[in-house]
Structures are given as C-alpha cells and as structure tokens.
Amino acid sequence: MNPEIIIRTAVLKLNSRPSRSKSSLQVSISPALSEFQWNDRNFENLIEKFLEHVLEISSPARPVRVAVHEMKRKTDLEEFISVHPEYWFRLSVGSQAETGYESGAKKILHELGYQCAEWIGMEESESQLGVFHFGMQNMPAVILFIQNHRAQRNCDFLIPVADSTMI
C-alpha cells in the first residue's frame, strides 16, 4: 500500500468538494515514506472519513494541517501496549474547533471494524489515548492520541508497522 498516494488523493478530493466549512486541508508528507501492508480500503476510508469530519467541525476559514511521517521508536508507548514494531506510521491532524475529534474518530473506527481495547482520558479532557484492534485480532492496529488545548485540536493516528518479512 502506498500511503502517500492514498492521502494525497483524499486531500485533493476533499479540498475540491464544496462544503459547509470554508476550511481547507494543508498537507505535508515526508519524502521518505515507506509502503507497508495494511488493508488499503480501510486505510483510504479512515483517512477520507476522518479528514471530512475534521473539516466539518473546524473553524471556518482556518486551515486544517495534516502531516505524515514515520517514527522509529515510541519506547513508553511500546512498553505500555506490548507492541514493538519496526517503525510507526504517523498521521497528525490539527485545527481549531469548538468540539473535540474523539467522538467522530471513535465512530469512524467502529464503523470500519475497529474495536476500542482501551481508552484513557475522559471526554473533553486535554489528552486522550485510544488503542484499537481490527476485528478479532489481538495486536493493536491503530493508536489514537488526541490533545485538546482551548480551541486547538490535535490528533495523531499511529499505526505500528511490522517488518514485512514477519507478515
């Protein structure tokens, strides 16, 4: 799966679509982004539906920032959830909004077949962490980290990427 193509396609599609919000998506993608094994259709739907949700709730005429890159280690997180991937795929989204991202993100993940194994943080709290599994799998498929500070909303989707020889 080529995440760059999927993300750029979703951003172009959403930016060209007329919407109630006057917000637009500004994307920054690391040039060294690797392809990885994941359900392409779920990834595409997750990206498009979540970015659409963010555009709908974001303040008008304010850009929604999207950044994509890989992270080598998240030692504390890896110990906490007992996962040690080769690297982490990170999709970060930030905007100004009156409401948080958490309810929309949880709903979208649930509709795509992801189950929340653990949620840390109360609704509307400043920081929240969710660990999601796909279907009946035991290993986490997506980690959702949300930060709310006044009207500033930030969300990181972290996907643990295993060594392709182990898949």
Protein backbone atom coordinates (compact mmCIF):
# COMPACT_ATOMS: atom_id res chain seq x y z
CA MET A 1 0.00 0.00 0.00
CA ASN A 2 1.29 3.45 -0.87
CA PRO A 3 0.05 5.77 1.90
CA GLU A 4 1.25 8.94 0.17
CA ILE A 5 -0.94 8.37 -2.88
CA ILE A 6 -3.97 7.49 -0.73
CA ILE A 7 -3.56 10.58 1.48
CA ARG A 8 -2.89 13.00 -1.39
CA THR A 9 -5.91 11.65 -3.29
CA ALA A 10 -8.16 12.07 -0.25
CA VAL A 11 -6.88 15.62 0.37
CA LEU A 12 -7.40 16.65 -3.27
CA LYS A 13 -10.89 15.14 -3.27
CA LEU A 14 -11.92 16.87 -0.03
CA ASN A 15 -10.38 20.23 -0.97
CA SER A 16 -12.25 20.25 -4.28
CA ARG A 17 -15.58 19.27 -2.71
CA PRO A 18 -17.93 22.11 -1.76
CA SER A 19 -18.56 22.02 1.98
CA ARG A 20 -20.26 23.99 4.72
CA SER A 21 -16.87 24.77 6.20
CA LYS A 22 -14.53 27.15 4.44
CA SER A 23 -11.57 25.26 5.88
CA SER A 24 -9.07 23.60 3.60
CA LEU A 25 -6.54 20.84 4.14
CA GLN A 26 -2.83 21.68 4.07
CA VAL A 27 -0.73 18.54 3.82
CA SER A 28 2.93 17.83 4.47
CA ILE A 29 4.20 14.34 3.68
CA SER A 30 7.70 13.12 4.45
CA PRO A 31 9.59 12.34 1.22
CA ALA A 32 10.98 9.11 2.72
CA LEU A 33 7.60 7.50 3.39
CA SER A 34 7.63 3.70 3.01
CA GLU A 35 4.92 1.44 1.69
CA PHE A 36 3.51 -1.02 4.20
CA GLN A 37 0.99 -3.85 4.49
CA TRP A 38 -2.45 -2.78 5.74
CA ASN A 39 -5.98 -3.06 4.49
CA ASP A 40 -5.86 -0.47 1.67
CA ARG A 41 -9.61 0.07 1.60
CA ASN A 42 -9.87 0.59 5.37
CA PHE A 43 -6.92 2.98 5.29
CA GLU A 44 -8.46 5.01 2.46
CA ASN A 45 -11.85 5.16 4.21
CA LEU A 46 -10.29 6.04 7.56
CA ILE A 47 -8.30 8.92 6.09
CA GLU A 48 -11.13 10.32 3.99
CA LYS A 49 -13.86 10.00 6.63
CA PHE A 50 -11.75 11.40 9.45
CA LEU A 51 -10.50 14.38 7.42
CA GLU A 52 -14.06 15.06 6.28
CA HIS A 53 -15.19 15.00 9.93
CA VAL A 54 -12.41 17.43 10.91
CA LEU A 55 -13.33 19.81 8.07
CA GLU A 56 -16.97 19.79 9.20
CA ILE A 57 -16.21 20.72 12.82
CA SER A 58 -13.26 23.08 12.25
CA SER A 59 -13.47 26.83 12.45
CA PRO A 60 -14.32 28.43 9.09
CA ALA A 61 -11.52 29.97 7.06
CA ARG A 62 -8.87 28.26 9.24
CA PRO A 63 -6.67 25.62 7.61
CA VAL A 64 -6.58 22.05 8.82
CA ARG A 65 -2.97 20.89 8.98
CA VAL A 66 -2.11 17.32 8.05
CA ALA A 67 1.39 15.92 8.48
CA VAL A 68 2.56 12.41 7.67
CA HIS A 69 5.84 10.75 8.57
CA GLU A 70 7.46 7.69 10.10
CA MET A 71 8.74 7.43 13.66
CA LYS A 72 11.33 4.86 14.68
CA ARG A 73 10.68 4.39 18.41
CA LYS A 74 7.96 5.17 20.93
CA THR A 75 9.50 3.28 23.83
CA ASP A 76 6.99 4.23 26.56
CA LEU A 77 4.00 3.53 24.31
CA GLU A 78 5.51 0.28 23.06
CA GLU A 79 6.04 -0.96 26.60
CA PHE A 80 2.54 0.12 27.64
CA ILE A 81 0.75 -1.71 24.82
CA SER A 82 3.33 -4.53 24.42
CA VAL A 83 4.00 -3.88 20.74
CA HIS A 84 7.45 -3.37 19.23
CA PRO A 85 7.08 -2.53 15.53
CA GLU A 86 9.85 -1.83 13.04
CA TYR A 87 8.54 1.75 12.91
CA TRP A 88 5.35 3.80 13.43
CA PHE A 89 3.37 5.42 10.63
CA ARG A 90 2.10 8.76 11.99
CA LEU A 91 -0.72 10.85 10.58
CA SER A 92 -1.12 14.10 12.53
CA VAL A 93 -4.11 16.40 12.11
CA GLY A 94 -4.51 19.79 13.76
CA SER A 95 -7.12 22.52 13.58
CA GLN A 96 -9.18 24.97 15.58
CA ALA A 97 -12.60 23.65 16.53
CA GLU A 98 -15.25 24.12 19.18
CA THR A 99 -15.62 20.38 19.77
CA GLY A 100 -13.03 17.62 20.02
CA TYR A 101 -12.20 14.93 17.47
CA GLU A 102 -12.71 11.95 19.79
CA SER A 103 -16.39 11.10 19.23
CA GLY A 104 -16.09 11.32 15.45
CA ALA A 105 -12.85 9.33 15.38
CA LYS A 106 -14.27 6.57 17.60
CA LYS A 107 -17.41 6.33 15.46
CA ILE A 108 -15.45 6.15 12.20
CA LEU A 109 -13.08 3.49 13.55
CA HIS A 110 -16.02 1.46 14.89
CA GLU A 111 -17.82 1.64 11.51
CA LEU A 112 -14.66 0.33 9.81
CA GLY A 113 -14.49 -2.72 12.10
CA TYR A 114 -12.07 -1.49 14.77
CA GLN A 115 -12.75 -2.24 18.44
CA CYS A 116 -11.51 0.03 21.21
CA ALA A 117 -9.49 -2.18 23.55
CA GLU A 118 -8.55 0.66 25.87
CA TRP A 119 -9.45 4.34 26.24
CA ILE A 120 -7.52 6.57 28.62
CA GLY A 121 -8.90 10.01 29.40
CA MET A 122 -12.37 11.38 29.95
CA GLU A 123 -14.45 13.01 27.21
CA GLU A 124 -13.30 16.56 26.55
CA SER A 125 -10.17 16.08 28.69
CA GLU A 126 -6.97 17.66 27.46
CA SER A 127 -5.23 14.40 26.45
CA GLN A 128 -6.76 11.08 25.46
CA LEU A 129 -5.32 7.81 24.19
CA GLY A 130 -7.19 5.01 22.47
CA VAL A 131 -5.90 1.58 21.48
CA PHE A 132 -7.87 -0.06 18.65
CA HIS A 133 -7.77 -3.61 17.32
CA PHE A 134 -9.15 -4.71 13.98
CA GLY A 135 -11.89 -7.30 14.25
CA MET A 136 -10.79 -10.20 16.45
CA GLN A 137 -7.03 -9.55 16.18
CA ASN A 138 -5.09 -9.37 19.44
CA MET A 139 -2.47 -6.88 18.29
CA PRO A 140 -3.24 -3.15 18.21
CA ALA A 141 -3.85 -1.86 14.68
CA VAL A 142 -4.27 1.86 15.43
CA ILE A 143 -3.32 4.06 18.35
CA LEU A 144 -5.25 7.31 18.58
CA PHE A 145 -3.74 10.16 20.59
CA ILE A 146 -5.86 13.30 20.97
CA GLN A 147 -4.86 16.59 22.55
CA ASN A 148 -7.28 19.44 23.23
CA HIS A 149 -6.00 22.80 24.37
CA ARG A 150 -8.65 25.51 24.39
CA ALA A 151 -9.91 25.55 20.78
CA GLN A 152 -6.77 23.90 19.36
CA ARG A 153 -7.35 20.23 18.46
CA ASN A 154 -4.61 17.77 17.56
CA CYS A 155 -4.90 14.11 16.72
CA ASP A 156 -2.26 11.51 15.90
CA PHE A 157 -3.12 8.20 14.27
CA LEU A 158 -0.21 5.87 14.98
CA ILE A 159 -0.04 2.61 13.04
CA PRO A 160 2.55 0.05 14.15
CA VAL A 161 4.32 -1.27 11.06
CA ALA A 162 5.86 -4.71 11.43
CA ASP A 163 8.84 -5.98 9.49
CA SER A 164 7.44 -7.05 6.11
CA THR A 165 9.22 -10.42 6.40
CA MET A 166 7.15 -11.16 9.52
CA ILE A 167 3.75 -10.56 7.87
